[in-house]
C-alpha atoms as a PDB file:
ATOM      1  CA  MET A   1     205.481 137.293 -39.061  1.00  0.00           C
ATOM      2  CA  SER A   2     208.764 137.868 -40.872  1.00  0.00           C
ATOM      3  CA  GLN A   3     208.817 138.749 -44.597  1.00  0.00           C
ATOM      4  CA  THR A   4     210.531 135.411 -45.290  1.00  0.00           C
ATOM      5  CA  ALA A   5     207.885 133.520 -43.372  1.00  0.00           C
ATOM      6  CA  GLU A   6     205.123 135.424 -45.271  1.00  0.00           C
ATOM      7  CA  LEU A   7     206.781 134.485 -48.587  1.00  0.00           C
ATOM      8  CA  HIS A   8     207.011 130.894 -47.568  1.00  0.00           C
ATOM      9  CA  ASP A   9     203.340 130.911 -46.494  1.00  0.00           C
ATOM     10  CA  ALA A  10     202.264 132.299 -49.861  1.00  0.00           C
ATOM     11  CA  HIS A  11     204.571 129.930 -51.678  1.00  0.00           C
ATOM     12  CA  ASP A  12     203.132 126.923 -49.801  1.00  0.00           C
ATOM     13  CA  HIS A  13     199.523 128.084 -50.565  1.00  0.00           C
ATOM     14  CA  ARG A  14     200.188 128.465 -54.250  1.00  0.00           C
ATOM     15  CA  HIS A  15     201.635 124.981 -54.453  1.00  0.00           C
ATOM     16  CA  ALA A  16     198.699 123.551 -52.490  1.00  0.00           C
ATOM     17  CA  GLY A  17     196.314 125.050 -55.130  1.00  0.00           C
ATOM     18  CA  HIS A  18     194.882 127.601 -52.790  1.00  0.00           C
ATOM     19  CA  GLN A  19     194.534 131.280 -53.713  1.00  0.00           C
ATOM     20  CA  HIS A  20     196.179 133.309 -50.914  1.00  0.00           C
ATOM     21  CA  HIS A  21     194.171 136.553 -50.280  1.00  0.00           C
ATOM     22  CA  ASP A  22     197.271 138.821 -50.265  1.00  0.00           C
ATOM     23  CA  GLU A  23     199.272 136.970 -52.885  1.00  0.00           C
ATOM     24  CA  PRO A  24     199.587 140.119 -55.144  1.00  0.00           C
ATOM     25  CA  HIS A  25     201.035 142.008 -52.089  1.00  0.00           C
ATOM     26  CA  THR A  26     203.482 139.146 -51.485  1.00  0.00           C
ATOM     27  CA  THR A  27     204.568 139.200 -55.143  1.00  0.00           C
ATOM     28  CA  ILE A  28     205.077 142.979 -54.980  1.00  0.00           C
ATOM     29  CA  SER A  29     206.985 142.577 -51.732  1.00  0.00           C
ATOM     30  CA  LEU A  30     209.070 139.781 -53.189  1.00  0.00           C
ATOM     31  CA  ASN A  31     209.842 141.922 -56.224  1.00  0.00           C
ATOM     32  CA  ARG A  32     210.704 144.902 -54.055  1.00  0.00           C
ATOM     33  CA  THR A  33     213.016 142.810 -51.844  1.00  0.00           C
ATOM     34  CA  ALA A  34     214.757 141.252 -54.825  1.00  0.00           C
ATOM     35  CA  PHE A  35     215.151 144.706 -56.410  1.00  0.00           C
ATOM     36  CA  TRP A  36     216.759 146.146 -53.282  1.00  0.00           C
ATOM     37  CA  ALA A  37     218.938 143.026 -52.880  1.00  0.00           C
ATOM     38  CA  THR A  38     220.081 143.419 -56.524  1.00  0.00           C
ATOM     39  CA  LEU A  39     220.687 147.096 -56.081  1.00  0.00           C
ATOM     40  CA  HIS A  40     222.673 146.399 -52.940  1.00  0.00           C
ATOM     41  CA  CYS A  41     224.791 143.790 -54.774  1.00  0.00           C
ATOM     42  CA  LEU A  42     225.124 146.156 -57.764  1.00  0.00           C
ATOM     43  CA  THR A  43     226.431 148.885 -55.481  1.00  0.00           C
ATOM     44  CA  GLY A  44     229.255 146.670 -54.091  1.00  0.00           C
ATOM     45  CA  CYS A  45     230.037 145.212 -57.514  1.00  0.00           C
ATOM     46  CA  ALA A  46     230.049 148.606 -59.137  1.00  0.00           C
ATOM     47  CA  VAL A  47     232.478 150.032 -56.588  1.00  0.00           C
ATOM     48  CA  GLY A  48     234.893 147.102 -56.972  1.00  0.00           C
ATOM     49  CA  GLU A  49     234.415 146.833 -60.701  1.00  0.00           C
ATOM     50  CA  VAL A  50     234.952 150.546 -61.374  1.00  0.00           C
ATOM     51  CA  LEU A  51     238.038 150.581 -59.129  1.00  0.00           C
ATOM     52  CA  GLY A  52     239.416 147.412 -60.688  1.00  0.00           C
ATOM     53  CA  MET A  53     238.733 148.575 -64.296  1.00  0.00           C
ATOM     54  CA  PHE A  54     240.104 152.018 -63.537  1.00  0.00           C
ATOM     55  CA  ILE A  55     243.270 150.743 -61.843  1.00  0.00           C
ATOM     56  CA  GLY A  56     243.858 147.964 -64.333  1.00  0.00           C
ATOM     57  CA  THR A  57     243.297 150.214 -67.386  1.00  0.00           C
ATOM     58  CA  ALA A  58     245.298 153.183 -65.897  1.00  0.00           C
ATOM     59  CA  LEU A  59     248.254 150.851 -65.113  1.00  0.00           C
ATOM     60  CA  GLY A  60     248.130 149.126 -68.493  1.00  0.00           C
ATOM     61  CA  PHE A  61     247.258 145.668 -67.141  1.00  0.00           C
ATOM     62  CA  SER A  62     246.204 142.962 -69.655  1.00  0.00           C
ATOM     63  CA  ASN A  63     242.470 142.463 -70.103  1.00  0.00           C
ATOM     64  CA  MET A  64     242.554 139.360 -67.951  1.00  0.00           C
ATOM     65  CA  ALA A  65     244.604 140.978 -65.168  1.00  0.00           C
ATOM     66  CA  THR A  66     242.198 143.953 -65.166  1.00  0.00           C
ATOM     67  CA  ILE A  67     239.166 141.677 -65.011  1.00  0.00           C
ATOM     68  CA  GLY A  68     240.769 139.600 -62.274  1.00  0.00           C
ATOM     69  CA  LEU A  69     241.488 142.699 -60.193  1.00  0.00           C
ATOM     70  CA  ALA A  70     237.914 143.959 -60.822  1.00  0.00           C
ATOM     71  CA  VAL A  71     236.313 140.638 -59.823  1.00  0.00           C
ATOM     72  CA  VAL A  72     238.381 140.376 -56.545  1.00  0.00           C
ATOM     73  CA  LEU A  73     237.436 143.984 -55.648  1.00  0.00           C
ATOM     74  CA  ALA A  74     233.772 143.489 -56.596  1.00  0.00           C
ATOM     75  CA  PHE A  75     233.521 140.493 -54.322  1.00  0.00           C
ATOM     76  CA  GLY A  76     235.372 142.308 -51.550  1.00  0.00           C
ATOM     77  CA  PHE A  77     233.186 145.388 -51.664  1.00  0.00           C
ATOM     78  CA  GLY A  78     230.013 143.352 -52.092  1.00  0.00           C
ATOM     79  CA  TYR A  79     230.731 141.323 -48.984  1.00  0.00           C
ATOM     80  CA  ALA A  80     231.884 144.381 -47.021  1.00  0.00           C
ATOM     81  CA  PHE A  81     228.659 146.268 -47.889  1.00  0.00           C
ATOM     82  CA  THR A  82     226.652 143.358 -46.558  1.00  0.00           C
ATOM     83  CA  MET A  83     228.720 142.822 -43.460  1.00  0.00           C
ATOM     84  CA  LEU A  84     228.893 146.399 -42.091  1.00  0.00           C
ATOM     85  CA  PRO A  85     225.170 146.632 -41.252  1.00  0.00           C
ATOM     86  CA  LEU A  86     225.289 143.142 -39.760  1.00  0.00           C
ATOM     87  CA  LEU A  87     228.242 144.081 -37.586  1.00  0.00           C
ATOM     88  CA  ARG A  88     226.483 147.318 -36.533  1.00  0.00           C
ATOM     89  CA  ALA A  89     223.464 145.129 -35.657  1.00  0.00           C
ATOM     90  CA  GLY A  90     225.638 143.258 -33.127  1.00  0.00           C
ATOM     91  CA  LEU A  91     226.646 140.134 -35.043  1.00  0.00           C
ATOM     92  CA  GLY A  92     230.180 138.884 -34.568  1.00  0.00           C
ATOM     93  CA  LEU A  93     232.651 138.979 -37.483  1.00  0.00           C
ATOM     94  CA  ARG A  94     232.515 135.223 -38.205  1.00  0.00           C
ATOM     95  CA  ARG A  95     228.734 135.174 -38.316  1.00  0.00           C
ATOM     96  CA  ALA A  96     228.494 138.404 -40.402  1.00  0.00           C
ATOM     97  CA  ALA A  97     231.024 137.022 -42.829  1.00  0.00           C
ATOM     98  CA  ARG A  98     229.192 133.719 -43.156  1.00  0.00           C
ATOM     99  CA  LEU A  99     225.832 135.498 -43.766  1.00  0.00           C
ATOM    100  CA  ALA A 100     227.503 137.757 -46.355  1.00  0.00           C
ATOM    101  CA  LEU A 101     228.917 134.735 -48.238  1.00  0.00           C
ATOM    102  CA  LEU A 102     225.548 133.037 -48.198  1.00  0.00           C
ATOM    103  CA  ALA A 103     223.670 136.182 -49.201  1.00  0.00           C
ATOM    104  CA  ASP A 104     225.938 137.551 -51.889  1.00  0.00           C
ATOM    105  CA  THR A 105     228.092 134.870 -53.549  1.00  0.00           C
ATOM    106  CA  ALA A 106     225.602 133.686 -56.217  1.00  0.00           C
ATOM    107  CA  SER A 107     224.423 137.202 -57.037  1.00  0.00           C
ATOM    108  CA  ILE A 108     227.943 138.700 -57.312  1.00  0.00           C
ATOM    109  CA  ALA A 109     229.130 135.711 -59.357  1.00  0.00           C
ATOM    110  CA  VAL A 110     226.321 136.260 -61.899  1.00  0.00           C
ATOM    111  CA  MET A 111     226.895 139.957 -61.942  1.00  0.00           C
ATOM    112  CA  GLU A 112     230.616 139.629 -62.451  1.00  0.00           C
ATOM    113  CA  MET A 113     230.303 137.014 -65.160  1.00  0.00           C
ATOM    114  CA  VAL A 114     227.766 139.041 -67.124  1.00  0.00           C
ATOM    115  CA  ASP A 115     229.431 142.379 -66.528  1.00  0.00           C
ATOM    116  CA  ASN A 116     232.833 141.195 -67.729  1.00  0.00           C
ATOM    117  CA  LEU A 117     231.501 139.325 -70.725  1.00  0.00           C
ATOM    118  CA  VAL A 118     229.672 142.519 -71.811  1.00  0.00           C
ATOM    119  CA  MET A 119     232.881 144.571 -71.322  1.00  0.00           C
ATOM    120  CA  LEU A 120     234.780 142.136 -73.443  1.00  0.00           C
ATOM    121  CA  ALA A 121     231.988 142.107 -76.072  1.00  0.00           C
ATOM    122  CA  VAL A 122     231.860 145.884 -76.525  1.00  0.00           C
ATOM    123  CA  PRO A 123     234.495 146.680 -79.176  1.00  0.00           C
ATOM    124  CA  GLY A 124     237.384 148.718 -77.738  1.00  0.00           C
ATOM    125  CA  ALA A 125     235.924 149.013 -74.228  1.00  0.00           C
ATOM    126  CA  MET A 126     238.730 147.132 -72.470  1.00  0.00           C
ATOM    127  CA  ASP A 127     241.411 148.955 -74.420  1.00  0.00           C
ATOM    128  CA  ALA A 128     239.881 152.421 -74.008  1.00  0.00           C
ATOM    129  CA  PRO A 129     241.649 154.771 -71.587  1.00  0.00           C
ATOM    130  CA  VAL A 130     239.766 155.676 -68.389  1.00  0.00           C
ATOM    131  CA  SER A 131     239.385 159.225 -69.794  1.00  0.00           C
ATOM    132  CA  SER A 132     237.302 157.858 -72.710  1.00  0.00           C
ATOM    133  CA  PRO A 133     233.502 158.110 -72.737  1.00  0.00           C
ATOM    134  CA  LEU A 134     233.487 154.597 -74.398  1.00  0.00           C
ATOM    135  CA  PHE A 135     235.100 153.096 -71.321  1.00  0.00           C
ATOM    136  CA  TRP A 136     232.549 154.628 -68.901  1.00  0.00           C
ATOM    137  CA  ALA A 137     229.572 154.113 -71.168  1.00  0.00           C
ATOM    138  CA  ALA A 138     230.471 150.411 -71.725  1.00  0.00           C
ATOM    139  CA  LEU A 139     231.073 149.924 -67.990  1.00  0.00           C
ATOM    140  CA  ALA A 140     227.689 151.449 -67.033  1.00  0.00           C
ATOM    141  CA  PHE A 141     225.920 149.403 -69.697  1.00  0.00           C
ATOM    142  CA  ALA A 142     227.659 146.229 -68.538  1.00  0.00           C
ATOM    143  CA  LEU A 143     226.623 146.842 -64.892  1.00  0.00           C
ATOM    144  CA  LEU A 144     222.958 147.440 -65.886  1.00  0.00           C
ATOM    145  CA  VAL A 145     222.909 144.250 -67.912  1.00  0.00           C
ATOM    146  CA  ALA A 146     224.569 142.392 -65.021  1.00  0.00           C
ATOM    147  CA  ALA A 147     221.912 143.688 -62.597  1.00  0.00           C
ATOM    148  CA  GLY A 148     219.154 142.559 -64.977  1.00  0.00           C
ATOM    149  CA  ALA A 149     220.728 139.106 -65.005  1.00  0.00           C
ATOM    150  CA  ALA A 150     221.041 138.944 -61.236  1.00  0.00           C
ATOM    151  CA  PHE A 151     217.460 140.184 -60.372  1.00  0.00           C
ATOM    152  CA  PRO A 152     215.705 136.859 -61.248  1.00  0.00           C
ATOM    153  CA  LEU A 153     218.342 134.885 -59.309  1.00  0.00           C
ATOM    154  CA  ASN A 154     217.920 137.121 -56.281  1.00  0.00           C
ATOM    155  CA  ARG A 155     214.116 136.861 -56.529  1.00  0.00           C
ATOM    156  CA  TRP A 156     214.255 133.026 -56.805  1.00  0.00           C
ATOM    157  CA  LEU A 157     216.656 132.820 -53.804  1.00  0.00           C
ATOM    158  CA  ILE A 158     214.652 135.198 -51.590  1.00  0.00           C
ATOM    159  CA  ALA A 159     211.401 133.362 -52.339  1.00  0.00           C
ATOM    160  CA  ARG A 160     213.041 130.238 -51.016  1.00  0.00           C
ATOM    161  CA  GLY A 161     214.331 131.916 -47.859  1.00  0.00           C
ATOM    162  CA  LYS A 162     217.912 132.012 -49.180  1.00  0.00           C
ATOM    163  CA  GLY A 163     220.329 134.675 -50.425  1.00  0.00           C
ATOM    164  CA  HIS A 164     219.499 138.098 -49.066  1.00  0.00           C
ATOM    165  CA  ALA A 165     216.421 136.782 -47.146  1.00  0.00           C
ATOM    166  CA  ALA A 166     218.635 135.720 -44.253  1.00  0.00           C
ATOM    167  CA  VAL A 167     220.363 139.054 -44.190  1.00  0.00           C
ATOM    168  CA  HIS A 168     217.110 140.997 -44.317  1.00  0.00           C
ATOM    169  CA  ASP A 169     215.794 138.955 -41.362  1.00  0.00           C
ATOM    170  CA  HIS A 170     218.805 140.156 -39.354  1.00  0.00           C
ATOM    171  CA  HIS A 171     218.399 143.782 -40.461  1.00  0.00           C
ATOM    172  CA  HIS A 172     214.741 143.800 -39.578  1.00  0.00           C
ATOM    173  CA  HIS A 173     215.311 142.030 -36.205  1.00  0.00           C
ATOM    174  CA  HIS A 174     218.499 143.808 -35.091  1.00  0.00           C
ATOM    175  CA  HIS A 175     216.812 145.110 -31.947  1.00  0.00           C
ATOM    176  CA  HIS A 176     216.667 141.579 -30.608  1.00  0.00           C
ATOM    177  CA  GLN A 177     219.767 140.063 -29.173  1.00  0.00           C
ATOM    178  CA  ILE A 178     221.240 137.792 -31.822  1.00  0.00           C
ATOM    179  CA  PRO A 179     223.594 135.148 -30.403  1.00  0.00           C
ATOM    180  CA  ASP A 180     226.839 134.757 -32.286  1.00  0.00           C
ATOM    181  CA  ALA A 181     227.582 131.218 -33.444  1.00  0.00           C
END
């Protein structure tokens, strides 16, 4: 039985008022899956965010232009990091792109919104040069806060068979032939 199916089974039993015998395992598994999905999104966001903030700050872009560049790059790297294993598993480009959009859009959007709000809220962070410890400390703090905000969203989506649940099913079943739609 797939992890998503197990989660749905436990979810259905809880709502039916039954105690499922391995519900604690399912909760741990759900938390673990959500943690890894969040870490995965954080990695793509961090690469894009760091590059965008670094480039924008180094070139003297306005705060809004720097944030815009960072957001575009964060989405780009986030989607790319999801698509690469799917492409390696044999999915076609269109299907891999569609799954990446479904899996990552909500999580990246939350991360980017929170991350950039935190960067704007830390006094001097957006105006600090890239050589400044303030810049890097604020960016690291902002990314951690963003991951904390995205975790419950990822957990909620995965528990409902959405978000990274679809991608994980493909990663776990890549040895089967997956038709490209």
